[in-house]
Each structure stands twice: as structure tokens, then as C-alpha cells.
C-alpha atoms as a PDB file:
ATOM      1  CA  MET A   1      -9.344  -5.260 -23.142  1.00  0.00           C
ATOM      2  CA  GLU A   2      -6.171  -7.403 -22.690  1.00  0.00           C
ATOM      3  CA  LEU A   3      -4.472  -6.897 -19.374  1.00  0.00           C
ATOM      4  CA  GLU A   4      -1.198  -5.973 -21.281  1.00  0.00           C
ATOM      5  CA  GLU A   5      -3.026  -3.170 -22.959  1.00  0.00           C
ATOM      6  CA  VAL A   6      -4.218  -1.737 -19.667  1.00  0.00           C
ATOM      7  CA  ILE A   7      -0.693  -1.709 -18.483  1.00  0.00           C
ATOM      8  CA  GLU A   8       0.634   0.121 -21.282  1.00  0.00           C
ATOM      9  CA  GLU A   9      -2.109   2.612 -21.175  1.00  0.00           C
ATOM     10  CA  TYR A  10      -1.323   3.247 -17.567  1.00  0.00           C
ATOM     11  CA  VAL A  11       2.290   3.522 -18.236  1.00  0.00           C
ATOM     12  CA  TYR A  12       1.532   6.223 -20.929  1.00  0.00           C
ATOM     13  CA  HIS A  13      -0.651   7.829 -18.368  1.00  0.00           C
ATOM     14  CA  CYS A  14       2.229   7.984 -16.054  1.00  0.00           C
ATOM     15  CA  ILE A  15       4.591   9.483 -18.565  1.00  0.00           C
ATOM     16  CA  ALA A  16       1.982  12.021 -19.551  1.00  0.00           C
ATOM     17  CA  LYS A  17       1.784  13.091 -15.870  1.00  0.00           C
ATOM     18  CA  GLY A  18       5.692  13.595 -15.769  1.00  0.00           C
ATOM     19  CA  PHE A  19       6.621  10.769 -13.544  1.00  0.00           C
ATOM     20  CA  ILE A  20      10.189  10.058 -13.441  1.00  0.00           C
ATOM     21  CA  GLN A  21      11.677   6.973 -15.251  1.00  0.00           C
ATOM     22  CA  LYS A  22      12.456   5.169 -12.018  1.00  0.00           C
ATOM     23  CA  THR A  23       8.722   5.620 -10.909  1.00  0.00           C
ATOM     24  CA  ILE A  24       7.443   4.441 -14.321  1.00  0.00           C
ATOM     25  CA  LYS A  25       9.775   1.297 -14.097  1.00  0.00           C
ATOM     26  CA  ASN A  26       8.423   0.504 -10.555  1.00  0.00           C
ATOM     27  CA  LYS A  27       4.816   0.994 -11.604  1.00  0.00           C
ATOM     28  CA  ARG A  28       5.418  -1.112 -14.680  1.00  0.00           C
ATOM     29  CA  GLN A  29       6.815  -3.922 -12.537  1.00  0.00           C
ATOM     30  CA  GLU A  30       3.821  -3.565 -10.126  1.00  0.00           C
ATOM     31  CA  MET A  31       1.398  -3.822 -12.950  1.00  0.00           C
ATOM     32  CA  LYS A  32       3.216  -7.074 -14.268  1.00  0.00           C
ATOM     33  CA  GLN A  33       2.943  -8.621 -10.927  1.00  0.00           C
ATOM     34  CA  LEU A  34      -0.788  -7.775 -10.866  1.00  0.00           C
ATOM     35  CA  LYS A  35      -1.273  -9.267 -14.263  1.00  0.00           C
ATOM     36  CA  ARG A  36       0.491 -12.331 -13.236  1.00  0.00           C
ATOM     37  CA  PHE A  37      -1.611 -12.624 -10.153  1.00  0.00           C
ATOM     38  CA  LEU A  38      -4.843 -12.109 -12.180  1.00  0.00           C
ATOM     39  CA  MET A  39      -3.976 -14.509 -14.741  1.00  0.00           C
ATOM     40  CA  ASP A  40      -2.367 -17.411 -12.561  1.00  0.00           C
ATOM     41  CA  GLU A  41      -4.563 -17.053  -9.417  1.00  0.00           C
ATOM     42  CA  LYS A  42      -7.879 -15.603 -10.712  1.00  0.00           C
ATOM     43  CA  ARG A  43      -7.787 -16.889 -14.400  1.00  0.00           C
ATOM     44  CA  ILE A  44      -8.426 -13.329 -15.652  1.00  0.00           C
ATOM     45  CA  SER A  45      -6.859 -12.459 -18.977  1.00  0.00           C
ATOM     46  CA  LYS A  46      -9.142  -9.719 -20.140  1.00  0.00           C
ATOM     47  CA  LEU A  47     -11.031  -6.922 -18.472  1.00  0.00           C
ATOM     48  CA  LYS A  48     -14.720  -6.351 -19.356  1.00  0.00           C
ATOM     49  CA  SER A  49     -15.845  -2.962 -20.462  1.00  0.00           C
ATOM     50  CA  GLU A  50     -18.000  -2.666 -17.388  1.00  0.00           C
ATOM     51  CA  ASN A  51     -15.028  -2.713 -15.363  1.00  0.00           C
ATOM     52  CA  ASN A  52     -13.745   0.419 -17.020  1.00  0.00           C
ATOM     53  CA  LEU A  53     -14.898   2.582 -14.114  1.00  0.00           C
ATOM     54  CA  ASN A  54     -13.059   0.276 -11.645  1.00  0.00           C
ATOM     55  CA  GLN A  55      -9.833   0.502 -13.654  1.00  0.00           C
ATOM     56  CA  LYS A  56      -9.938   4.264 -13.639  1.00  0.00           C
ATOM     57  CA  ALA A  57     -10.620   4.360  -9.970  1.00  0.00           C
ATOM     58  CA  TYR A  58      -7.734   2.011  -9.310  1.00  0.00           C
ATOM     59  CA  MET A  59      -5.446   4.219 -11.580  1.00  0.00           C
ATOM     60  CA  LYS A  60      -6.540   7.230  -9.672  1.00  0.00           C
ATOM     61  CA  LEU A  61      -5.770   5.625  -6.365  1.00  0.00           C
ATOM     62  CA  GLU A  62      -2.300   4.573  -7.547  1.00  0.00           C
ATOM     63  CA  ASN A  63      -1.592   8.043  -8.749  1.00  0.00           C
ATOM     64  CA  GLU A  64      -2.692   9.595  -5.514  1.00  0.00           C
ATOM     65  CA  GLU A  65      -0.513   7.135  -3.588  1.00  0.00           C
ATOM     66  CA  ALA A  66       2.432   8.082  -5.718  1.00  0.00           C
ATOM     67  CA  LEU A  67       2.298  11.731  -4.879  1.00  0.00           C
END
């Protein structure tokens, strides 16, 4: 899965959860910074399906921290 797809999926998740627009904007910016870091520093542009559980755990952690 492309990193940009994961970011957009997460943004839709935030919208569905009822996050305010400012929070969504901040989260999108954080995810873009993460994407840049992964691509530039770690040379990662796609996430493998076996990382799906890790992605969900990360998103859950982000959601809990936002509350």
C-alpha cells in the first residue's frame, strides 16, 4: 500500500470519528512529515500487508493521544 493511501485512509478515519477540521489538518501534516521521513531517511515508499496490524496499532495510539 502506498504511503499516501495510508495517510488518506487515516484522514477519512479521523473525519468519521468526528474530529474537528483543525485537528484533521494537524494530523494530515503530521502524517506528511512521517511520510517524508520514511521516504527520505528509511527509503520506504510502500507498506507491506504484514505491517497492517502495526498500522492499525499506530492509528489507534494516535487516536487515543488525541482524546
